[in-house]
Amino acid sequence: MKPGLYKSILKQLKEIEYTRKKEIVEKIGLFHCLTNKQKYSLAQHIKEASYRSGEVIFEEGDVSNGIYIVSEGLVEVSLSGKPALLLK
């Protein structure tokens, strides 16, 4: 492998990942009031996670240390064990 090629590939992958995350931030109305610098920072801090169908993400009463953004698929929100909301 040519010297520097690996670093170049990593840089390109990071740019693609950042662009995808920034597009997610731009689509959410709640974040429209943020400055570009704030949106950049938010996009840099997004951590992606995938869940299987039926998997519990968190339960009522759990303490959260962040916000959840559904970028693909559906999430069912239940209150007291009963379906309350479906997020797309």
PDB file of N, CA and C in Angstrom:
ATOM      1  N   MET A   1       0.850  -1.176   0.000  1.00  0.00           N
ATOM      2  CA  MET A   1       0.000   0.000   0.000  1.00  0.00           C
ATOM      3  C   MET A   1       0.898   1.241   0.000  1.00  0.00           C
ATOM      4  N   LYS A   2       0.532   2.210  -0.806  1.00  0.00           N
ATOM      5  CA  LYS A   2       1.318   3.440  -0.896  1.00  0.00           C
ATOM      6  C   LYS A   2       1.296   4.186   0.431  1.00  0.00           C
ATOM      7  N   PRO A   3       2.419   4.825   0.798  1.00  0.00           N
ATOM      8  CA  PRO A   3       2.432   5.635   2.026  1.00  0.00           C
ATOM      9  C   PRO A   3       1.378   6.740   1.934  1.00  0.00           C
ATOM     10  N   GLY A   4       0.646   6.916   2.988  1.00  0.00           N
ATOM     11  CA  GLY A   4      -0.360   7.969   3.026  1.00  0.00           C
ATOM     12  C   GLY A   4      -1.715   7.548   2.485  1.00  0.00           C
ATOM     13  N   LEU A   5      -1.779   6.427   1.754  1.00  0.00           N
ATOM     14  CA  LEU A   5      -3.054   5.989   1.178  1.00  0.00           C
ATOM     15  C   LEU A   5      -4.045   5.619   2.276  1.00  0.00           C
ATOM     16  N   TYR A   6      -3.564   4.905   3.282  1.00  0.00           N
ATOM     17  CA  TYR A   6      -4.442   4.505   4.394  1.00  0.00           C
ATOM     18  C   TYR A   6      -5.026   5.726   5.084  1.00  0.00           C
ATOM     19  N   LYS A   7      -4.186   6.729   5.373  1.00  0.00           N
ATOM     20  CA  LYS A   7      -4.667   7.951   6.027  1.00  0.00           C
ATOM     21  C   LYS A   7      -5.646   8.693   5.135  1.00  0.00           C
ATOM     22  N   SER A   8      -5.391   8.689   3.849  1.00  0.00           N
ATOM     23  CA  SER A   8      -6.285   9.350   2.896  1.00  0.00           C
ATOM     24  C   SER A   8      -7.655   8.677   2.872  1.00  0.00           C
ATOM     25  N   ILE A   9      -7.666   7.355   2.890  1.00  0.00           N
ATOM     26  CA  ILE A   9      -8.925   6.600   2.906  1.00  0.00           C
ATOM     27  C   ILE A   9      -9.686   6.886   4.192  1.00  0.00           C
ATOM     28  N   LEU A  10      -8.993   6.864   5.336  1.00  0.00           N
ATOM     29  CA  LEU A  10      -9.649   7.162   6.615  1.00  0.00           C
ATOM     30  C   LEU A  10     -10.252   8.562   6.618  1.00  0.00           C
ATOM     31  N   LYS A  11      -9.516   9.517   6.082  1.00  0.00           N
ATOM     32  CA  LYS A  11     -10.005  10.892   6.025  1.00  0.00           C
ATOM     33  C   LYS A  11     -11.277  10.982   5.184  1.00  0.00           C
ATOM     34  N   GLN A  12     -11.287  10.314   4.043  1.00  0.00           N
ATOM     35  CA  GLN A  12     -12.472  10.320   3.178  1.00  0.00           C
ATOM     36  C   GLN A  12     -13.666   9.674   3.871  1.00  0.00           C
ATOM     37  N   LEU A  13     -13.429   8.562   4.565  1.00  0.00           N
ATOM     38  CA  LEU A  13     -14.510   7.887   5.279  1.00  0.00           C
ATOM     39  C   LEU A  13     -15.083   8.773   6.384  1.00  0.00           C
ATOM     40  N   LYS A  14     -14.214   9.483   7.103  1.00  0.00           N
ATOM     41  CA  LYS A  14     -14.666  10.389   8.157  1.00  0.00           C
ATOM     42  C   LYS A  14     -15.483  11.531   7.579  1.00  0.00           C
ATOM     43  N   GLU A  15     -15.082  12.040   6.430  1.00  0.00           N
ATOM     44  CA  GLU A  15     -15.825  13.118   5.776  1.00  0.00           C
ATOM     45  C   GLU A  15     -17.210  12.652   5.342  1.00  0.00           C
ATOM     46  N   ILE A  16     -17.282  11.438   4.798  1.00  0.00           N
ATOM     47  CA  ILE A  16     -18.568  10.868   4.387  1.00  0.00           C
ATOM     48  C   ILE A  16     -19.471  10.685   5.604  1.00  0.00           C
ATOM     49  N   GLU A  17     -18.913  10.155   6.688  1.00  0.00           N
ATOM     50  CA  GLU A  17     -19.672   9.939   7.928  1.00  0.00           C
ATOM     51  C   GLU A  17     -20.173  11.267   8.491  1.00  0.00           C
ATOM     52  N   TYR A  18     -19.306  12.285   8.522  1.00  0.00           N
ATOM     53  CA  TYR A  18     -19.706  13.597   9.032  1.00  0.00           C
ATOM     54  C   TYR A  18     -20.823  14.188   8.172  1.00  0.00           C
ATOM     55  N   THR A  19     -20.689  14.092   6.857  1.00  0.00           N
ATOM     56  CA  THR A  19     -21.708  14.633   5.955  1.00  0.00           C
ATOM     57  C   THR A  19     -23.061  13.989   6.222  1.00  0.00           C
ATOM     58  N   ARG A  20     -23.075  12.668   6.402  1.00  0.00           N
ATOM     59  CA  ARG A  20     -24.331  11.958   6.691  1.00  0.00           C
ATOM     60  C   ARG A  20     -24.937  12.427   8.016  1.00  0.00           C
ATOM     61  N   LYS A  21     -24.103  12.597   9.021  1.00  0.00           N
ATOM     62  CA  LYS A  21     -24.596  13.035  10.330  1.00  0.00           C
ATOM     63  C   LYS A  21     -25.089  14.480  10.274  1.00  0.00           C
ATOM     64  N   LYS A  22     -24.396  15.338   9.533  1.00  0.00           N
ATOM     65  CA  LYS A  22     -24.825  16.731   9.407  1.00  0.00           C
ATOM     66  C   LYS A  22     -26.165  16.808   8.680  1.00  0.00           C
ATOM     67  N   GLU A  23     -26.389  15.946   7.693  1.00  0.00           N
ATOM     68  CA  GLU A  23     -27.670  15.904   6.988  1.00  0.00           C
ATOM     69  C   GLU A  23     -28.794  15.528   7.946  1.00  0.00           C
ATOM     70  N   ILE A  24     -28.527  14.633   8.865  1.00  0.00           N
ATOM     71  CA  ILE A  24     -29.526  14.257   9.877  1.00  0.00           C
ATOM     72  C   ILE A  24     -29.857  15.470  10.736  1.00  0.00           C
ATOM     73  N   VAL A  25     -28.842  16.189  11.204  1.00  0.00           N
ATOM     74  CA  VAL A  25     -29.041  17.379  12.040  1.00  0.00           C
ATOM     75  C   VAL A  25     -29.848  18.430  11.277  1.00  0.00           C
ATOM     76  N   GLU A  26     -29.536  18.630   9.993  1.00  0.00           N
ATOM     77  CA  GLU A  26     -30.212  19.647   9.178  1.00  0.00           C
ATOM     78  C   GLU A  26     -31.700  19.338   8.983  1.00  0.00           C
ATOM     79  N   LYS A  27     -32.078  18.060   8.989  1.00  0.00           N
ATOM     80  CA  LYS A  27     -33.470  17.655   8.751  1.00  0.00           C
ATOM     81  C   LYS A  27     -34.374  17.863   9.970  1.00  0.00           C
ATOM     82  N   ILE A  28     -33.800  18.027  11.148  1.00  0.00           N
ATOM     83  CA  ILE A  28     -34.596  18.077  12.379  1.00  0.00           C
ATOM     84  C   ILE A  28     -34.898  19.526  12.748  1.00  0.00           C
ATOM     85  N   GLY A  29     -36.178  19.869  12.733  1.00  0.00           N
ATOM     86  CA  GLY A  29     -36.616  21.238  13.002  1.00  0.00           C
ATOM     87  C   GLY A  29     -36.119  21.797  14.319  1.00  0.00           C
ATOM     88  N   LEU A  30     -36.017  20.972  15.318  1.00  0.00           N
ATOM     89  CA  LEU A  30     -35.552  21.403  16.641  1.00  0.00           C
ATOM     90  C   LEU A  30     -34.174  22.052  16.570  1.00  0.00           C
ATOM     91  N   PHE A  31     -33.362  21.651  15.599  1.00  0.00           N
ATOM     92  CA  PHE A  31     -31.994  22.141  15.496  1.00  0.00           C
ATOM     93  C   PHE A  31     -31.826  23.309  14.524  1.00  0.00           C
ATOM     94  N   HIS A  32     -32.908  23.746  13.885  1.00  0.00           N
ATOM     95  CA  HIS A  32     -32.815  24.835  12.900  1.00  0.00           C
ATOM     96  C   HIS A  32     -32.304  26.132  13.505  1.00  0.00           C
ATOM     97  N   CYS A  33     -32.547  26.366  14.777  1.00  0.00           N
ATOM     98  CA  CYS A  33     -32.136  27.616  15.414  1.00  0.00           C
ATOM     99  C   CYS A  33     -30.641  27.632  15.777  1.00  0.00           C
ATOM    100  N   LEU A  34     -29.964  26.506  15.627  1.00  0.00           N
ATOM    101  CA  LEU A  34     -28.547  26.440  15.975  1.00  0.00           C
ATOM    102  C   LEU A  34     -27.687  27.115  14.913  1.00  0.00           C
ATOM    103  N   THR A  35     -26.554  27.627  15.330  1.00  0.00           N
ATOM    104  CA  THR A  35     -25.587  28.187  14.383  1.00  0.00           C
ATOM    105  C   THR A  35     -24.906  27.037  13.648  1.00  0.00           C
ATOM    106  N   ASN A  36     -24.231  27.350  12.558  1.00  0.00           N
ATOM    107  CA  ASN A  36     -23.500  26.309  11.823  1.00  0.00           C
ATOM    108  C   ASN A  36     -22.446  25.655  12.700  1.00  0.00           C
ATOM    109  N   LYS A  37     -21.803  26.449  13.544  1.00  0.00           N
ATOM    110  CA  LYS A  37     -20.784  25.916  14.457  1.00  0.00           C
ATOM    111  C   LYS A  37     -21.413  24.926  15.443  1.00  0.00           C
ATOM    112  N   GLN A  38     -22.596  25.258  15.961  1.00  0.00           N
ATOM    113  CA  GLN A  38     -23.291  24.372  16.897  1.00  0.00           C
ATOM    114  C   GLN A  38     -23.745  23.095  16.191  1.00  0.00           C
ATOM    115  N   LYS A  39     -24.235  23.223  14.955  1.00  0.00           N
ATOM    116  CA  LYS A  39     -24.649  22.046  14.188  1.00  0.00           C
ATOM    117  C   LYS A  39     -23.449  21.148  13.907  1.00  0.00           C
ATOM    118  N   TYR A  40     -22.307  21.770  13.587  1.00  0.00           N
ATOM    119  CA  TYR A  40     -21.076  21.008  13.352  1.00  0.00           C
ATOM    120  C   TYR A  40     -20.713  20.208  14.605  1.00  0.00           C
ATOM    121  N   SER A  41     -20.750  20.875  15.746  1.00  0.00           N
ATOM    122  CA  SER A  41     -20.408  20.219  17.004  1.00  0.00           C
ATOM    123  C   SER A  41     -21.368  19.072  17.301  1.00  0.00           C
ATOM    124  N   LEU A  42     -22.657  19.317  17.103  1.00  0.00           N
ATOM    125  CA  LEU A  42     -23.664  18.285  17.347  1.00  0.00           C
ATOM    126  C   LEU A  42     -23.421  17.085  16.429  1.00  0.00           C
ATOM    127  N   ALA A  43     -23.190  17.345  15.150  1.00  0.00           N
ATOM    128  CA  ALA A  43     -22.944  16.256  14.203  1.00  0.00           C
ATOM    129  C   ALA A  43     -21.708  15.458  14.596  1.00  0.00           C
ATOM    130  N   GLN A  44     -20.696  16.127  15.108  1.00  0.00           N
ATOM    131  CA  GLN A  44     -19.469  15.449  15.531  1.00  0.00           C
ATOM    132  C   GLN A  44     -19.711  14.510  16.714  1.00  0.00           C
ATOM    133  N   HIS A  45     -20.734  14.802  17.514  1.00  0.00           N
ATOM    134  CA  HIS A  45     -20.988  14.021  18.730  1.00  0.00           C
ATOM    135  C   HIS A  45     -22.045  12.925  18.564  1.00  0.00           C
ATOM    136  N   ILE A  46     -22.648  12.847  17.390  1.00  0.00           N
ATOM    137  CA  ILE A  46     -23.658  11.805  17.167  1.00  0.00           C
ATOM    138  C   ILE A  46     -22.978  10.434  17.192  1.00  0.00           C
ATOM    139  N   LYS A  47     -23.570   9.546  17.957  1.00  0.00           N
ATOM    140  CA  LYS A  47     -23.100   8.158  17.999  1.00  0.00           C
ATOM    141  C   LYS A  47     -24.232   7.299  17.453  1.00  0.00           C
ATOM    142  N   GLU A  48     -23.919   6.539  16.429  1.00  0.00           N
ATOM    143  CA  GLU A  48     -24.939   5.719  15.792  1.00  0.00           C
ATOM    144  C   GLU A  48     -25.054   4.368  16.481  1.00  0.00           C
ATOM    145  N   ALA A  49     -26.274   3.866  16.484  1.00  0.00           N
ATOM    146  CA  ALA A  49     -26.536   2.539  17.038  1.00  0.00           C
ATOM    147  C   ALA A  49     -27.642   1.894  16.217  1.00  0.00           C
ATOM    148  N   SER A  50     -27.593   0.596  16.098  1.00  0.00           N
ATOM    149  CA  SER A  50     -28.624  -0.158  15.387  1.00  0.00           C
ATOM    150  C   SER A  50     -29.254  -1.138  16.365  1.00  0.00           C
ATOM    151  N   TYR A  51     -30.547  -1.364  16.179  1.00  0.00           N
ATOM    152  CA  TYR A  51     -31.271  -2.282  17.049  1.00  0.00           C
ATOM    153  C   TYR A  51     -32.067  -3.254  16.196  1.00  0.00           C
ATOM    154  N   ARG A  52     -32.238  -4.456  16.689  1.00  0.00           N
ATOM    155  CA  ARG A  52     -33.040  -5.466  16.004  1.00  0.00           C
ATOM    156  C   ARG A  52     -34.516  -5.242  16.311  1.00  0.00           C
ATOM    157  N   SER A  53     -35.358  -5.741  15.446  1.00  0.00           N
ATOM    158  CA  SER A  53     -36.796  -5.660  15.648  1.00  0.00           C
ATOM    159  C   SER A  53     -37.168  -6.295  16.988  1.00  0.00           C
ATOM    160  N   GLY A  54     -37.933  -5.571  17.791  1.00  0.00           N
ATOM    161  CA  GLY A  54     -38.370  -6.074  19.086  1.00  0.00           C
ATOM    162  C   GLY A  54     -37.401  -5.816  20.222  1.00  0.00           C
ATOM    163  N   GLU A  55     -36.219  -5.345  19.914  1.00  0.00           N
ATOM    164  CA  GLU A  55     -35.217  -5.080  20.947  1.00  0.00           C
ATOM    165  C   GLU A  55     -35.592  -3.819  21.730  1.00  0.00           C
ATOM    166  N   VAL A  56     -35.428  -3.872  23.049  1.00  0.00           N
ATOM    167  CA  VAL A  56     -35.715  -2.727  23.916  1.00  0.00           C
ATOM    168  C   VAL A  56     -34.513  -1.786  23.903  1.00  0.00           C
ATOM    169  N   ILE A  57     -34.764  -0.515  23.594  1.00  0.00           N
ATOM    170  CA  ILE A  57     -33.694   0.481  23.576  1.00  0.00           C
ATOM    171  C   ILE A  57     -33.460   0.996  24.991  1.00  0.00           C
ATOM    172  N   PHE A  58     -34.524   1.375  25.646  1.00  0.00           N
ATOM    173  CA  PHE A  58     -34.480   1.700  27.070  1.00  0.00           C
ATOM    174  C   PHE A  58     -35.891   1.562  27.617  1.00  0.00           C
ATOM    175  N   GLU A  59     -35.994   1.465  28.934  1.00  0.00           N
ATOM    176  CA  GLU A  59     -37.290   1.247  29.565  1.00  0.00           C
ATOM    177  C   GLU A  59     -37.743   2.485  30.325  1.00  0.00           C
ATOM    178  N   GLU A  60     -39.046   2.590  30.475  1.00  0.00           N
ATOM    179  CA  GLU A  60     -39.644   3.697  31.220  1.00  0.00           C
ATOM    180  C   GLU A  60     -38.992   3.787  32.599  1.00  0.00           C
ATOM    181  N   GLY A  61     -38.573   4.990  32.956  1.00  0.00           N
ATOM    182  CA  GLY A  61     -37.930   5.213  34.242  1.00  0.00           C
ATOM    183  C   GLY A  61     -36.413   5.199  34.179  1.00  0.00           C
ATOM    184  N   ASP A  62     -35.842   4.657  33.088  1.00  0.00           N
ATOM    185  CA  ASP A  62     -34.383   4.674  32.925  1.00  0.00           C
ATOM    186  C   ASP A  62     -33.905   6.116  32.777  1.00  0.00           C
ATOM    187  N   VAL A  63     -32.727   6.393  33.294  1.00  0.00           N
ATOM    188  CA  VAL A  63     -32.116   7.713  33.132  1.00  0.00           C
ATOM    189  C   VAL A  63     -31.358   7.722  31.811  1.00  0.00           C
ATOM    190  N   SER A  64     -31.603   8.737  31.007  1.00  0.00           N
ATOM    191  CA  SER A  64     -30.937   8.854  29.715  1.00  0.00           C
ATOM    192  C   SER A  64     -29.822   9.885  29.799  1.00  0.00           C
ATOM    193  N   ASN A  65     -28.760   9.665  29.046  1.00  0.00           N
ATOM    194  CA  ASN A  65     -27.676  10.636  29.017  1.00  0.00           C
ATOM    195  C   ASN A  65     -27.573  11.298  27.645  1.00  0.00           C
ATOM    196  N   GLY A  66     -28.649  11.255  26.878  1.00  0.00           N
ATOM    197  CA  GLY A  66     -28.638  11.855  25.544  1.00  0.00           C
ATOM    198  C   GLY A  66     -30.023  11.868  24.942  1.00  0.00           C
ATOM    199  N   ILE A  67     -30.060  12.153  23.646  1.00  0.00           N
ATOM    200  CA  ILE A  67     -31.318  12.109  22.914  1.00  0.00           C
ATOM    201  C   ILE A  67     -31.204  11.020  21.856  1.00  0.00           C
ATOM    202  N   TYR A  68     -32.340  10.534  21.407  1.00  0.00           N
ATOM    203  CA  TYR A  68     -32.370   9.495  20.393  1.00  0.00           C
ATOM    204  C   TYR A  68     -33.000  10.065  19.136  1.00  0.00           C
ATOM    205  N   ILE A  69     -32.370   9.823  17.996  1.00  0.00           N
ATOM    206  CA  ILE A  69     -32.878  10.257  16.705  1.00  0.00           C
ATOM    207  C   ILE A  69     -33.099   9.011  15.867  1.00  0.00           C
ATOM    208  N   VAL A  70     -34.312   8.840  15.375  1.00  0.00           N
ATOM    209  CA  VAL A  70     -34.615   7.691  14.522  1.00  0.00           C
ATOM    210  C   VAL A  70     -34.341   8.125  13.085  1.00  0.00           C
ATOM    211  N   SER A  71     -33.272   7.597  12.496  1.00  0.00           N
ATOM    212  CA  SER A  71     -32.945   7.978  11.124  1.00  0.00           C
ATOM    213  C   SER A  71     -33.437   6.949  10.112  1.00  0.00           C
ATOM    214  N   GLU A  72     -33.699   5.735  10.570  1.00  0.00           N
ATOM    215  CA  GLU A  72     -34.213   4.668   9.713  1.00  0.00           C
ATOM    216  C   GLU A  72     -35.081   3.742  10.531  1.00  0.00           C
ATOM    217  N   GLY A  73     -36.141   3.252   9.935  1.00  0.00           N
ATOM    218  CA  GLY A  73     -36.969   2.259  10.596  1.00  0.00           C
ATOM    219  C   GLY A  73     -38.050   2.869  11.470  1.00  0.00           C
ATOM    220  N   LEU A  74     -38.594   2.041  12.351  1.00  0.00           N
ATOM    221  CA  LEU A  74     -39.682   2.432  13.249  1.00  0.00           C
ATOM    222  C   LEU A  74     -39.307   2.120  14.689  1.00  0.00           C
ATOM    223  N   VAL A  75     -39.780   2.964  15.599  1.00  0.00           N
ATOM    224  CA  VAL A  75     -39.588   2.725  17.028  1.00  0.00           C
ATOM    225  C   VAL A  75     -40.941   2.874  17.707  1.00  0.00           C
ATOM    226  N   GLU A  76     -41.318   1.860  18.482  1.00  0.00           N
ATOM    227  CA  GLU A  76     -42.564   1.915  19.233  1.00  0.00           C
ATOM    228  C   GLU A  76     -42.268   2.384  20.648  1.00  0.00           C
ATOM    229  N   VAL A  77     -42.988   3.405  21.088  1.00  0.00           N
ATOM    230  CA  VAL A  77     -42.854   3.914  22.448  1.00  0.00           C
ATOM    231  C   VAL A  77     -44.030   3.375  23.251  1.00  0.00           C
ATOM    232  N   SER A  78     -43.721   2.776  24.390  1.00  0.00           N
ATOM    233  CA  SER A  78     -44.764   2.229  25.259  1.00  0.00           C
ATOM    234  C   SER A  78     -44.728   2.927  26.607  1.00  0.00           C
ATOM    235  N   LEU A  79     -45.904   3.149  27.170  1.00  0.00           N
ATOM    236  CA  LEU A  79     -46.032   3.697  28.519  1.00  0.00           C
ATOM    237  C   LEU A  79     -46.812   2.706  29.353  1.00  0.00           C
ATOM    238  N   SER A  80     -46.278   2.366  30.493  1.00  0.00           N
ATOM    239  CA  SER A  80     -46.888   1.370  31.375  1.00  0.00           C
ATOM    240  C   SER A  80     -47.164   0.067  30.632  1.00  0.00           C
ATOM    241  N   GLY A  81     -46.258  -0.307  29.718  1.00  0.00           N
ATOM    242  CA  GLY A  81     -46.387  -1.556  28.994  1.00  0.00           C
ATOM    243  C   GLY A  81     -47.361  -1.547  27.837  1.00  0.00           C
ATOM    244  N   LYS A  82     -47.973  -0.389  27.557  1.00  0.00           N
ATOM    245  CA  LYS A  82     -48.957  -0.310  26.460  1.00  0.00           C
ATOM    246  C   LYS A  82     -48.422   0.605  25.361  1.00  0.00           C
ATOM    247  N   PRO A  83     -48.568   0.194  24.098  1.00  0.00           N
ATOM    248  CA  PRO A  83     -48.104   1.032  22.982  1.00  0.00           C
ATOM    249  C   PRO A  83     -48.735   2.431  23.050  1.00  0.00           C
ATOM    250  N   ALA A  84     -47.897   3.463  22.924  1.00  0.00           N
ATOM    251  CA  ALA A  84     -48.386   4.826  23.021  1.00  0.00           C
ATOM    252  C   ALA A  84     -48.071   5.666  21.778  1.00  0.00           C
ATOM    253  N   LEU A  85     -46.999   5.317  21.060  1.00  0.00           N
ATOM    254  CA  LEU A  85     -46.550   6.149  19.947  1.00  0.00           C
ATOM    255  C   LEU A  85     -45.643   5.333  19.031  1.00  0.00           C
ATOM    256  N   LEU A  86     -45.748   5.594  17.730  1.00  0.00           N
ATOM    257  CA  LEU A  86     -44.878   4.949  16.755  1.00  0.00           C
ATOM    258  C   LEU A  86     -44.074   6.032  16.066  1.00  0.00           C
ATOM    259  N   LEU A  87     -42.741   5.965  16.153  1.00  0.00           N
ATOM    260  CA  LEU A  87     -41.871   6.960  15.553  1.00  0.00           C
ATOM    261  C   LEU A  87     -41.246   6.413  14.280  1.00  0.00           C
ATOM    262  N   LYS A  88     -41.192   7.263  13.241  1.00  0.00           N
ATOM    263  CA  LYS A  88     -40.566   6.881  11.959  1.00  0.00           C
ATOM    264  C   LYS A  88     -39.300   7.661  11.781  1.00  0.00           C
TER     265      LYS A  88
END
